[in-house]
């Protein structure tokens, strides 16, 4: 009877391990997809709008630089020029 219990316990543990292995594989795949999506979003966020490129070139050429207290002030100055 003891051997029968050991076999049952062993198969339960093996089944649990196999189940965990499958879940880990799925999680790895999901993480890869999430990393790709984050990279895509990050690239979009850090891309400079074409209309800003010209303004940046103008600022560099003029040599005039300003400090801003926050992004709202900077954005207002850029967009109203």
Protein backbone atom coordinates (compact mmCIF):
# COMPACT_ATOMS: atom_id res chain seq x y z
CA UNK A 1 0.00 0.00 0.00
CA UNK A 2 2.87 2.34 0.79
CA UNK A 3 4.30 1.85 -2.71
CA UNK A 4 0.95 2.73 -4.25
CA UNK A 5 0.84 6.01 -2.31
CA UNK A 6 4.40 6.84 -3.36
CA UNK A 7 3.49 6.28 -7.02
CA UNK A 8 0.40 8.47 -6.69
CA UNK A 9 2.38 11.20 -4.96
CA UNK A 10 5.10 10.92 -7.57
CA UNK A 11 2.65 11.21 -10.46
CA UNK A 12 0.90 14.15 -8.80
CA UNK A 13 4.24 15.93 -8.35
CA UNK A 14 5.21 15.14 -11.94
CA UNK A 15 1.86 16.44 -13.20
CA UNK A 16 2.23 19.58 -11.11
CA UNK A 17 5.76 20.13 -12.41
CA UNK A 18 4.67 19.63 -16.01
CA UNK A 19 1.80 22.05 -15.48
CA UNK A 20 4.17 24.61 -13.98
CA UNK A 21 6.58 24.12 -16.86
CA UNK A 22 3.82 24.82 -19.40
CA UNK A 23 2.74 27.92 -17.48
CA UNK A 24 6.34 29.16 -17.34
CA UNK A 25 6.69 28.73 -21.10
CA UNK A 26 3.48 30.69 -21.67
CA UNK A 27 4.64 33.43 -19.29
CA UNK A 28 7.97 33.69 -21.12
CA UNK A 29 6.13 34.10 -24.42
CA UNK A 30 3.87 36.79 -22.95
CA UNK A 31 6.86 38.63 -21.52
CA UNK A 32 8.58 38.61 -24.92
CA UNK A 33 5.46 40.08 -26.54
CA UNK A 34 5.21 42.71 -23.81
CA UNK A 35 8.89 43.65 -24.26
CA UNK A 36 8.36 44.09 -28.00
CA UNK A 37 5.29 46.26 -27.39
CA UNK A 38 7.13 48.36 -24.82
CA UNK A 39 10.02 48.87 -27.26
CA UNK A 40 7.59 49.96 -29.98
CA UNK A 41 5.85 52.43 -27.67
CA UNK A 42 9.17 53.70 -26.36
CA UNK A 43 10.40 54.35 -29.90
CA UNK A 44 7.23 56.29 -30.68
CA UNK A 45 7.54 58.37 -27.53
CA UNK A 46 11.15 59.32 -28.15
CA UNK A 47 10.67 60.21 -31.78
CA UNK A 48 10.87 63.95 -32.45
CA UNK A 49 8.02 65.33 -34.50
CA UNK A 50 9.16 66.61 -37.91
CA UNK A 51 7.83 70.12 -37.22
CA UNK A 52 9.95 70.24 -34.06
CA UNK A 53 13.11 69.25 -35.92
CA UNK A 54 13.04 72.51 -37.88
CA UNK A 55 12.47 74.51 -34.71
CA UNK A 56 15.33 72.73 -32.99
CA UNK A 57 17.63 73.47 -35.93
CA UNK A 58 16.59 77.14 -35.76
CA UNK A 59 17.27 77.32 -32.03
CA UNK A 60 20.70 75.72 -32.46
CA UNK A 61 21.56 78.05 -35.35
CA UNK A 62 20.52 81.15 -33.37
CA UNK A 63 22.31 79.98 -30.26
CA UNK A 64 19.41 81.11 -28.07
CA UNK A 65 18.63 78.73 -25.25
CA UNK A 66 15.93 79.05 -22.61
CA UNK A 67 15.16 77.24 -19.39
CA UNK A 68 11.65 76.08 -18.60
CA UNK A 69 10.07 75.22 -15.28
CA UNK A 70 8.07 72.34 -16.71
CA UNK A 71 7.11 70.55 -19.91
CA UNK A 72 3.89 72.55 -20.25
CA UNK A 73 5.86 75.81 -20.60
CA UNK A 74 8.21 74.24 -23.12
CA UNK A 75 5.38 72.75 -25.15
CA UNK A 76 3.50 76.09 -25.13
CA UNK A 77 6.58 77.92 -26.39
CA UNK A 78 7.23 75.36 -29.14
CA UNK A 79 3.66 75.18 -30.34
CA UNK A 80 3.00 78.93 -30.38
CA UNK A 81 6.11 79.88 -32.30
